[in-house]
Amino acid sequence: MKESGRKQGAASPCAACKLLRRRCAQDCVFAPFFPADEPHKFASVHKVFGASNVNKMLQELPEHQRGDAVSSMVYEANARVRDPVYGCVGAISSLQQQIDHLQSQLAIAQAEVVHMRMRQFSSISGGGTAGNSPENVSPSSRHTQTQPTMSLFTMDMVVDQANIGESLWSC
């Protein structure tokens, strides 16, 4: 089995054993995941979780899941180092706020498009005069007319949703 944490032919300790100042055994649980050339990975994981806890977690997992677990621990540890209170939850929360803000902007833009289409439709149809109503138009010309894709009621709902999104941001 190839040990990715050690150089070929040399008995160089993995980053974990180097930081812990111990001899790196042939069956070191850290060696495949914390190579000697990436000491920062283990340093942040050790700082947040502790070497003993990481060792226990890796020992309890099947070998095929250990790589994903280490990847998750490194991500969470780096997030905790950057933001000790919220960690990766802070990053997720920030991204969720951005999504909410962008969704409200999208709703406003969609409402504006609907409003413009309604104005365009009313100007094309002559402001709703009886001569241009759908009942007085020939069946062959009905297919060539521009039809609004949303009713005024639907447009009001879109505008209301956009206003709700804006009011949430103003708090």
N, C-alpha and C. Protein backbone atom coordinates (compact mmCIF):
# COMPACT_ATOMS: atom_id res chain seq x y z
N MET A 1 0.84 -1.17 0.00
CA MET A 1 0.00 0.00 0.00
C MET A 1 0.89 1.24 0.00
N LYS A 2 0.60 2.19 -0.89
CA LYS A 2 1.40 3.40 -0.99
C LYS A 2 1.00 4.37 0.12
N GLU A 3 1.96 4.89 0.80
CA GLU A 3 1.73 5.87 1.87
C GLU A 3 1.88 7.26 1.25
N SER A 4 0.78 7.99 1.09
CA SER A 4 0.85 9.30 0.46
C SER A 4 1.44 10.36 1.38
N GLY A 5 1.52 10.08 2.67
CA GLY A 5 2.04 11.06 3.61
C GLY A 5 3.55 11.01 3.75
N ARG A 6 4.18 10.06 3.09
CA ARG A 6 5.63 9.91 3.23
C ARG A 6 6.29 9.94 1.86
N LYS A 7 7.54 10.36 1.84
CA LYS A 7 8.32 10.34 0.60
C LYS A 7 8.73 8.91 0.30
N GLN A 8 8.89 8.60 -0.99
CA GLN A 8 9.30 7.26 -1.39
C GLN A 8 10.73 6.99 -0.90
N GLY A 9 10.92 5.89 -0.27
CA GLY A 9 12.24 5.46 0.16
C GLY A 9 12.71 6.06 1.48
N ALA A 10 12.16 7.18 1.89
CA ALA A 10 12.57 7.82 3.13
C ALA A 10 11.49 7.63 4.18
N ALA A 11 11.91 7.65 5.44
CA ALA A 11 10.96 7.48 6.54
C ALA A 11 10.57 8.85 7.09
N SER A 12 10.16 9.75 6.23
CA SER A 12 9.76 11.09 6.64
C SER A 12 8.39 11.01 7.32
N PRO A 13 8.25 11.62 8.47
CA PRO A 13 6.96 11.54 9.17
C PRO A 13 5.88 12.38 8.46
N CYS A 14 4.65 11.96 8.66
CA CYS A 14 3.53 12.73 8.10
C CYS A 14 3.42 14.06 8.87
N ALA A 15 2.57 14.95 8.38
CA ALA A 15 2.42 16.26 9.01
C ALA A 15 1.93 16.14 10.45
N ALA A 16 1.07 15.16 10.72
CA ALA A 16 0.53 14.98 12.07
C ALA A 16 1.64 14.56 13.03
N CYS A 17 2.40 13.56 12.65
CA CYS A 17 3.47 13.08 13.52
C CYS A 17 4.55 14.12 13.69
N LYS A 18 4.80 14.89 12.66
CA LYS A 18 5.81 15.95 12.74
C LYS A 18 5.35 17.01 13.74
N LEU A 19 4.08 17.42 13.68
CA LEU A 19 3.56 18.42 14.60
C LEU A 19 3.51 17.89 16.03
N LEU A 20 3.15 16.62 16.17
CA LEU A 20 3.04 16.01 17.50
C LEU A 20 4.40 15.54 18.03
N ARG A 21 5.43 15.67 17.19
CA ARG A 21 6.80 15.28 17.54
C ARG A 21 6.90 13.84 18.01
N ARG A 22 6.37 12.98 17.16
CA ARG A 22 6.47 11.55 17.47
C ARG A 22 6.90 10.80 16.22
N ARG A 23 7.32 9.57 16.42
CA ARG A 23 7.76 8.75 15.30
C ARG A 23 6.54 8.30 14.51
N CYS A 24 6.60 8.41 13.21
CA CYS A 24 5.48 8.03 12.34
C CYS A 24 5.56 6.53 12.04
N ALA A 25 4.63 5.77 12.58
CA ALA A 25 4.63 4.32 12.40
C ALA A 25 4.17 3.97 10.99
N GLN A 26 4.46 2.76 10.58
CA GLN A 26 4.08 2.28 9.26
C GLN A 26 2.56 2.28 9.08
N ASP A 27 1.82 2.02 10.15
CA ASP A 27 0.35 1.97 10.08
C ASP A 27 -0.30 3.25 10.64
N CYS A 28 0.39 4.37 10.55
CA CYS A 28 -0.13 5.65 11.07
C CYS A 28 -1.44 6.01 10.38
N VAL A 29 -2.47 6.26 11.17
CA VAL A 29 -3.79 6.55 10.63
C VAL A 29 -3.83 7.94 9.95
N PHE A 30 -2.92 8.82 10.34
CA PHE A 30 -2.90 10.17 9.79
C PHE A 30 -2.15 10.26 8.46
N ALA A 31 -1.16 9.41 8.24
CA ALA A 31 -0.25 9.51 7.10
C ALA A 31 -0.95 9.62 5.74
N PRO A 32 -1.97 8.82 5.44
CA PRO A 32 -2.58 8.93 4.11
C PRO A 32 -3.31 10.26 3.87
N PHE A 33 -3.67 10.95 4.92
CA PHE A 33 -4.52 12.13 4.77
C PHE A 33 -3.83 13.45 5.09
N PHE A 34 -2.72 13.40 5.81
CA PHE A 34 -1.99 14.60 6.18
C PHE A 34 -0.53 14.46 5.75
N PRO A 35 -0.25 14.67 4.46
CA PRO A 35 1.12 14.51 3.96
C PRO A 35 2.06 15.55 4.57
N ALA A 36 3.34 15.21 4.59
CA ALA A 36 4.35 16.07 5.21
C ALA A 36 4.44 17.44 4.54
N ASP A 37 4.09 17.51 3.25
CA ASP A 37 4.21 18.78 2.53
C ASP A 37 2.97 19.69 2.70
N GLU A 38 2.01 19.27 3.52
CA GLU A 38 0.83 20.09 3.81
C GLU A 38 0.60 20.17 5.32
N PRO A 39 1.52 20.74 6.07
CA PRO A 39 1.39 20.77 7.52
C PRO A 39 0.24 21.64 8.03
N HIS A 40 -0.16 22.63 7.25
CA HIS A 40 -1.24 23.52 7.67
C HIS A 40 -2.58 22.79 7.83
N LYS A 41 -2.79 21.74 7.01
CA LYS A 41 -4.04 20.98 7.12
C LYS A 41 -4.21 20.37 8.51
N PHE A 42 -3.17 19.64 8.94
CA PHE A 42 -3.28 19.00 10.25
C PHE A 42 -3.23 20.02 11.37
N ALA A 43 -2.47 21.10 11.20
CA ALA A 43 -2.36 22.11 12.25
C ALA A 43 -3.73 22.71 12.58
N SER A 44 -4.50 23.05 11.56
CA SER A 44 -5.83 23.63 11.84
C SER A 44 -6.79 22.58 12.40
N VAL A 45 -6.74 21.36 11.88
CA VAL A 45 -7.61 20.29 12.40
C VAL A 45 -7.26 19.99 13.86
N HIS A 46 -5.97 19.93 14.16
CA HIS A 46 -5.51 19.66 15.53
C HIS A 46 -5.94 20.79 16.47
N LYS A 47 -5.84 22.02 16.00
CA LYS A 47 -6.20 23.17 16.82
C LYS A 47 -7.68 23.15 17.20
N VAL A 48 -8.53 22.75 16.28
CA VAL A 48 -9.98 22.77 16.51
C VAL A 48 -10.48 21.49 17.18
N PHE A 49 -10.06 20.34 16.66
CA PHE A 49 -10.61 19.06 17.14
C PHE A 49 -9.71 18.32 18.13
N GLY A 50 -8.41 18.51 18.03
CA GLY A 50 -7.48 17.76 18.87
C GLY A 50 -7.07 16.47 18.18
N ALA A 51 -5.81 16.12 18.30
CA ALA A 51 -5.28 14.93 17.62
C ALA A 51 -5.95 13.65 18.10
N SER A 52 -6.21 13.56 19.39
CA SER A 52 -6.82 12.35 19.95
C SER A 52 -8.23 12.14 19.39
N ASN A 53 -9.01 13.21 19.32
CA ASN A 53 -10.37 13.10 18.78
C ASN A 53 -10.37 12.74 17.30
N VAL A 54 -9.46 13.35 16.55
CA VAL A 54 -9.37 13.04 15.12
C VAL A 54 -8.98 11.58 14.94
N ASN A 55 -8.03 11.10 15.74
CA ASN A 55 -7.61 9.72 15.69
C ASN A 55 -8.79 8.78 15.97
N LYS A 56 -9.57 9.09 17.00
CA LYS A 56 -10.73 8.26 17.34
C LYS A 56 -11.76 8.25 16.22
N MET A 57 -12.03 9.44 15.65
CA MET A 57 -13.01 9.51 14.56
C MET A 57 -12.57 8.68 13.36
N LEU A 58 -11.29 8.80 13.00
CA LEU A 58 -10.80 8.06 11.84
C LEU A 58 -10.78 6.55 12.11
N GLN A 59 -10.46 6.13 13.33
CA GLN A 59 -10.44 4.72 13.67
C GLN A 59 -11.84 4.10 13.59
N GLU A 60 -12.86 4.87 13.93
CA GLU A 60 -14.23 4.36 13.95
C GLU A 60 -14.86 4.27 12.56
N LEU A 61 -14.29 4.96 11.59
CA LEU A 61 -14.86 4.98 10.24
C LEU A 61 -14.27 3.87 9.36
N PRO A 62 -15.06 3.36 8.43
CA PRO A 62 -14.49 2.45 7.44
C PRO A 62 -13.45 3.21 6.59
N GLU A 63 -12.47 2.51 6.09
CA GLU A 63 -11.37 3.16 5.36
C GLU A 63 -11.86 3.96 4.15
N HIS A 64 -12.90 3.49 3.47
CA HIS A 64 -13.35 4.20 2.27
C HIS A 64 -14.05 5.54 2.60
N GLN A 65 -14.40 5.78 3.85
CA GLN A 65 -15.04 7.03 4.24
C GLN A 65 -14.08 8.02 4.92
N ARG A 66 -12.90 7.59 5.21
CA ARG A 66 -11.97 8.43 5.96
C ARG A 66 -11.52 9.67 5.17
N GLY A 67 -11.30 9.53 3.90
CA GLY A 67 -10.88 10.67 3.08
C GLY A 67 -11.91 11.80 3.10
N ASP A 68 -13.19 11.43 2.97
CA ASP A 68 -14.26 12.43 3.03
C ASP A 68 -14.35 13.06 4.41
N ALA A 69 -14.17 12.25 5.43
CA ALA A 69 -14.22 12.77 6.80
C ALA A 69 -13.10 13.77 7.05
N VAL A 70 -11.90 13.44 6.59
CA VAL A 70 -10.76 14.35 6.76
C VAL A 70 -11.01 15.64 5.99
N SER A 71 -11.53 15.52 4.78
CA SER A 71 -11.84 16.70 3.98
C SER A 71 -12.84 17.61 4.71
N SER A 72 -13.86 17.01 5.30
CA SER A 72 -14.86 17.78 6.06
C SER A 72 -14.25 18.42 7.29
N MET A 73 -13.39 17.66 7.99
CA MET A 73 -12.76 18.22 9.19
C MET A 73 -11.84 19.39 8.84
N VAL A 74 -11.10 19.27 7.74
CA VAL A 74 -10.21 20.36 7.32
C VAL A 74 -11.04 21.59 6.98
N TYR A 75 -12.14 21.40 6.25
CA TYR A 75 -13.00 22.54 5.89
C TYR A 75 -13.56 23.21 7.14
N GLU A 76 -14.13 22.42 8.03
CA GLU A 76 -14.71 22.97 9.26
C GLU A 76 -13.64 23.63 10.13
N ALA A 77 -12.47 23.02 10.24
CA ALA A 77 -11.40 23.60 11.05
C ALA A 77 -10.95 24.94 10.47
N ASN A 78 -10.78 25.03 9.16
CA ASN A 78 -10.40 26.30 8.54
C ASN A 78 -11.47 27.36 8.74
N ALA A 79 -12.74 26.96 8.66
CA ALA A 79 -13.84 27.90 8.90
C ALA A 79 -13.85 28.35 10.36
N ARG A 80 -13.58 27.45 11.27
CA ARG A 80 -13.53 27.81 12.71
C ARG A 80 -12.35 28.73 13.03
N VAL A 81 -11.24 28.54 12.33
CA VAL A 81 -10.09 29.42 12.54
C VAL A 81 -10.43 30.83 12.07
N ARG A 82 -11.11 30.94 10.91
CA ARG A 82 -11.51 32.24 10.39
C ARG A 82 -12.61 32.88 11.23
N ASP A 83 -13.58 32.09 11.65
CA ASP A 83 -14.73 32.59 12.41
C ASP A 83 -14.97 31.65 13.59
N PRO A 84 -14.34 31.92 14.74
CA PRO A 84 -14.41 30.99 15.87
C PRO A 84 -15.82 30.78 16.43
N VAL A 85 -16.71 31.73 16.25
CA VAL A 85 -18.05 31.60 16.82
C VAL A 85 -18.96 30.77 15.93
N TYR A 86 -19.05 31.11 14.65
CA TYR A 86 -20.01 30.46 13.76
C TYR A 86 -19.42 29.40 12.85
N GLY A 87 -18.14 29.45 12.56
CA GLY A 87 -17.52 28.45 11.69
C GLY A 87 -18.14 28.43 10.32
N CYS A 88 -18.35 27.24 9.77
CA CYS A 88 -18.91 27.15 8.42
C CYS A 88 -20.39 27.53 8.40
N VAL A 89 -21.06 27.50 9.53
CA VAL A 89 -22.46 27.93 9.58
C VAL A 89 -22.56 29.42 9.25
N GLY A 90 -21.56 30.20 9.65
CA GLY A 90 -21.53 31.62 9.31
C GLY A 90 -21.43 31.82 7.81
N ALA A 91 -20.59 31.03 7.16
CA ALA A 91 -20.45 31.12 5.70
C ALA A 91 -21.74 30.71 5.01
N ILE A 92 -22.38 29.66 5.50
CA ILE A 92 -23.64 29.20 4.93
C ILE A 92 -24.71 30.26 5.11
N SER A 93 -24.77 30.86 6.29
CA SER A 93 -25.75 31.90 6.57
C SER A 93 -25.54 33.11 5.65
N SER A 94 -24.31 33.49 5.46
CA SER A 94 -24.00 34.62 4.58
C SER A 94 -24.44 34.33 3.15
N LEU A 95 -24.16 33.13 2.68
CA LEU A 95 -24.57 32.74 1.33
C LEU A 95 -26.10 32.70 1.22
N GLN A 96 -26.78 32.24 2.26
CA GLN A 96 -28.24 32.20 2.24
C GLN A 96 -28.81 33.61 2.17
N GLN A 97 -28.22 34.55 2.89
CA GLN A 97 -28.67 35.94 2.83
C GLN A 97 -28.47 36.51 1.42
N GLN A 98 -27.36 36.17 0.78
CA GLN A 98 -27.13 36.62 -0.59
C GLN A 98 -28.17 36.05 -1.53
N ILE A 99 -28.50 34.78 -1.35
CA ILE A 99 -29.53 34.14 -2.18
C ILE A 99 -30.87 34.85 -1.99
N ASP A 100 -31.25 35.12 -0.74
CA ASP A 100 -32.51 35.80 -0.47
C ASP A 100 -32.56 37.17 -1.12
N HIS A 101 -31.46 37.91 -1.01
CA HIS A 101 -31.40 39.25 -1.59
C HIS A 101 -31.53 39.18 -3.12
N LEU A 102 -30.80 38.23 -3.73
CA LEU A 102 -30.86 38.09 -5.18
C LEU A 102 -32.23 37.63 -5.65
N GLN A 103 -32.90 36.79 -4.86
CA GLN A 103 -34.25 36.36 -5.22
C GLN A 103 -35.23 37.52 -5.17
N SER A 104 -35.08 38.41 -4.19
CA SER A 104 -35.97 39.58 -4.13
C SER A 104 -35.68 40.51 -5.30
N GLN A 105 -34.41 40.68 -5.67
CA GLN A 105 -34.09 41.50 -6.84
C GLN A 105 -34.66 40.89 -8.11
N LEU A 106 -34.61 39.57 -8.22
CA LEU A 106 -35.18 38.89 -9.37
C LEU A 106 -36.69 39.09 -9.43
N ALA A 107 -37.36 38.99 -8.29
CA ALA A 107 -38.81 39.19 -8.26
C ALA A 107 -39.17 40.61 -8.69
N ILE A 108 -38.38 41.59 -8.25
CA ILE A 108 -38.63 42.97 -8.65
C ILE A 108 -38.44 43.12 -10.15
N ALA A 109 -37.38 42.54 -10.69
CA ALA A 109 -37.13 42.62 -12.13
C ALA A 109 -38.24 41.94 -12.92
N GLN A 110 -38.71 40.78 -12.43
CA GLN A 110 -39.81 40.09 -13.10
C GLN A 110 -41.08 40.93 -13.07
N ALA A 111 -41.33 41.59 -11.95
CA ALA A 111 -42.51 42.45 -11.85
C ALA A 111 -42.41 43.61 -12.82
N GLU A 112 -41.22 44.17 -12.96
CA GLU A 112 -41.03 45.27 -13.91
C GLU A 112 -41.27 44.81 -15.33
N VAL A 113 -40.80 43.61 -15.68
CA VAL A 113 -41.02 43.06 -17.02
C VAL A 113 -42.51 42.88 -17.26
N VAL A 114 -43.21 42.31 -16.30
CA VAL A 114 -44.66 42.12 -16.44
C VAL A 114 -45.36 43.46 -16.59
N HIS A 115 -44.96 44.44 -15.80
CA HIS A 115 -45.56 45.76 -15.87
C HIS A 115 -45.34 46.38 -17.26
N MET A 116 -44.12 46.25 -17.80
CA MET A 116 -43.84 46.78 -19.14
C MET A 116 -44.65 46.06 -20.20
N ARG A 117 -44.78 44.74 -20.06
CA ARG A 117 -45.59 43.97 -21.03
C ARG A 117 -47.05 44.39 -20.97
N MET A 118 -47.53 44.64 -19.78
CA MET A 118 -48.94 45.06 -19.64
C MET A 118 -49.13 46.44 -20.27
N ARG A 119 -48.18 47.34 -20.05
CA ARG A 119 -48.27 48.67 -20.67
C ARG A 119 -48.20 48.56 -22.18
N GLN A 120 -47.28 47.71 -22.68
CA GLN A 120 -47.16 47.52 -24.12
C GLN A 120 -48.44 46.92 -24.69
N PHE A 121 -49.00 45.96 -24.00
CA PHE A 121 -50.24 45.33 -24.47
C PHE A 121 -51.39 46.33 -24.49
N SER A 122 -51.47 47.16 -23.43
CA SER A 122 -52.57 48.12 -23.39
C SER A 122 -52.39 49.20 -24.46
N SER A 123 -51.15 49.56 -24.80
CA SER A 123 -50.95 50.55 -25.85
C SER A 123 -51.22 49.95 -27.23
N ILE A 124 -50.92 48.68 -27.42
CA ILE A 124 -51.19 48.00 -28.69
C ILE A 124 -52.69 47.81 -28.87
N SER A 125 -53.37 47.45 -27.82
CA SER A 125 -54.81 47.17 -27.93
C SER A 125 -55.63 48.44 -27.87
N GLY A 126 -55.01 49.59 -27.79
CA GLY A 126 -55.74 50.86 -27.81
C GLY A 126 -56.35 51.19 -26.48
N GLY A 127 -55.75 50.74 -25.41
CA GLY A 127 -56.24 51.09 -24.09
C GLY A 127 -57.50 50.35 -23.69
N GLY A 128 -57.82 49.27 -24.34
CA GLY A 128 -58.96 48.45 -23.95
C GLY A 128 -60.28 48.93 -24.55
N THR A 129 -60.25 49.56 -25.72
CA THR A 129 -61.50 50.00 -26.35
C THR A 129 -62.27 48.80 -26.87
N ALA A 130 -63.55 48.97 -27.06
CA ALA A 130 -64.42 47.86 -27.46
C ALA A 130 -64.07 47.36 -28.85
N GLY A 131 -63.58 48.22 -29.75
CA GLY A 131 -63.25 47.81 -31.10
C GLY A 131 -62.10 46.82 -31.15
N ASN A 132 -61.23 46.83 -30.14
CA ASN A 132 -60.07 45.95 -30.15
C ASN A 132 -60.18 44.82 -29.13
N SER A 133 -61.30 44.61 -28.54
CA SER A 133 -61.44 43.55 -27.55
C SER A 133 -61.33 42.19 -28.24
N PRO A 134 -60.95 41.16 -27.53
CA PRO A 134 -60.77 39.84 -28.13
C PRO A 134 -62.03 39.30 -28.80
N GLU A 135 -63.20 39.73 -28.33
CA GLU A 135 -64.44 39.22 -28.94
C GLU A 135 -64.64 39.79 -30.33
N ASN A 136 -64.13 41.01 -30.61
CA ASN A 136 -64.35 41.66 -31.89
C ASN A 136 -63.23 41.41 -32.88
N VAL A 137 -62.19 40.64 -32.49
CA VAL A 137 -61.07 40.36 -33.38
C VAL A 137 -61.34 39.06 -34.11
N SER A 138 -60.97 39.02 -35.39
CA SER A 138 -61.22 37.81 -36.17
C SER A 138 -60.36 36.66 -35.65
N PRO A 139 -60.83 35.42 -35.77
CA PRO A 139 -60.09 34.27 -35.25
C PRO A 139 -58.70 34.14 -35.86
N SER A 140 -58.53 34.50 -37.13
CA SER A 140 -57.21 34.36 -37.76
C SER A 140 -56.20 35.36 -37.19
N SER A 141 -56.65 36.54 -36.79
CA SER A 141 -55.72 37.54 -36.26
C SER A 141 -55.45 37.34 -34.77
N ARG A 142 -56.23 36.51 -34.11
CA ARG A 142 -55.99 36.25 -32.69
C ARG A 142 -54.63 35.61 -32.46
N HIS A 143 -54.18 34.79 -33.39
CA HIS A 143 -52.91 34.09 -33.23
C HIS A 143 -51.73 35.02 -33.41
N THR A 144 -51.89 36.13 -34.10
CA THR A 144 -50.78 37.05 -34.34
C THR A 144 -50.69 38.13 -33.28
N GLN A 145 -51.74 38.30 -32.47
CA GLN A 145 -51.69 39.33 -31.44
C GLN A 145 -50.79 38.92 -30.29
N THR A 146 -50.19 39.92 -29.67
CA THR A 146 -49.36 39.67 -28.50
C THR A 146 -50.29 39.52 -27.30
N GLN A 147 -50.17 38.40 -26.61
CA GLN A 147 -51.00 38.15 -25.44
C GLN A 147 -50.15 38.29 -24.20
N PRO A 148 -50.65 38.92 -23.13
CA PRO A 148 -49.86 38.99 -21.90
C PRO A 148 -49.70 37.60 -21.31
N THR A 149 -48.56 37.35 -20.73
CA THR A 149 -48.31 36.03 -20.15
C THR A 149 -48.82 35.93 -18.72
N MET A 150 -49.12 37.09 -18.11
CA MET A 150 -49.61 37.07 -16.74
C MET A 150 -50.77 38.05 -16.61
N SER A 151 -51.66 37.77 -15.70
CA SER A 151 -52.75 38.70 -15.46
C SER A 151 -52.29 39.80 -14.52
N LEU A 152 -53.10 40.84 -14.38
CA LEU A 152 -52.76 41.91 -13.45
C LEU A 152 -52.70 41.39 -12.02
N PHE A 153 -53.56 40.44 -11.69
CA PHE A 153 -53.57 39.85 -10.35
C PHE A 153 -52.23 39.17 -10.08
N THR A 154 -51.72 38.41 -11.07
CA THR A 154 -50.44 37.72 -10.91
C THR A 154 -49.31 38.74 -10.76
N MET A 155 -49.38 39.82 -11.54
CA MET A 155 -48.35 40.85 -11.44
C MET A 155 -48.35 41.47 -10.05
N ASP A 156 -49.53 41.72 -9.49
CA ASP A 156 -49.60 42.27 -8.14
C ASP A 156 -48.97 41.33 -7.13
N MET A 157 -49.17 40.02 -7.33
CA MET A 157 -48.58 39.04 -6.41
C MET A 157 -47.07 39.09 -6.50
N VAL A 158 -46.51 39.21 -7.71
CA VAL A 158 -45.06 39.27 -7.88
C VAL A 158 -44.52 40.52 -7.21
N VAL A 159 -45.21 41.67 -7.40
CA VAL A 159 -44.78 42.91 -6.77
C VAL A 159 -44.84 42.79 -5.26
N ASP A 160 -45.91 42.16 -4.72
CA ASP A 160 -46.03 41.97 -3.28
C ASP A 160 -44.88 41.12 -2.75
N GLN A 161 -44.51 40.05 -3.47
CA GLN A 161 -43.40 39.21 -3.04
C GLN A 161 -42.11 40.00 -3.02
N ALA A 162 -41.91 40.84 -4.02
CA ALA A 162 -40.70 41.65 -4.07
C ALA A 162 -40.67 42.63 -2.90
N ASN A 163 -41.82 43.22 -2.58
CA ASN A 163 -41.87 44.16 -1.46
C ASN A 163 -41.63 43.46 -0.13
N ILE A 164 -42.10 42.25 0.00
CA ILE A 164 -41.85 41.48 1.23
C ILE A 164 -40.35 41.24 1.37
N GLY A 165 -39.69 40.86 0.26
CA GLY A 165 -38.25 40.64 0.29
C GLY A 165 -37.50 41.89 0.67
N GLU A 166 -37.93 43.05 0.14
CA GLU A 166 -37.26 44.30 0.49
C GLU A 166 -37.47 44.66 1.95
N SER A 167 -38.67 44.41 2.47
CA SER A 167 -38.94 44.77 3.87
C SER A 167 -38.12 43.91 4.83
N LEU A 168 -37.82 42.68 4.44
CA LEU A 168 -36.98 41.83 5.28
C LEU A 168 -35.57 42.37 5.37
N TRP A 169 -35.08 42.97 4.29
CA TRP A 169 -33.71 43.50 4.27
C TRP A 169 -33.61 44.81 5.02
N SER A 170 -34.70 45.52 5.17
CA SER A 170 -34.62 46.82 5.83
C SER A 170 -34.63 46.71 7.34
N CYS A 171 -34.88 45.52 7.88
CA CYS A 171 -34.92 45.32 9.33
C CYS A 171 -33.56 45.39 9.95
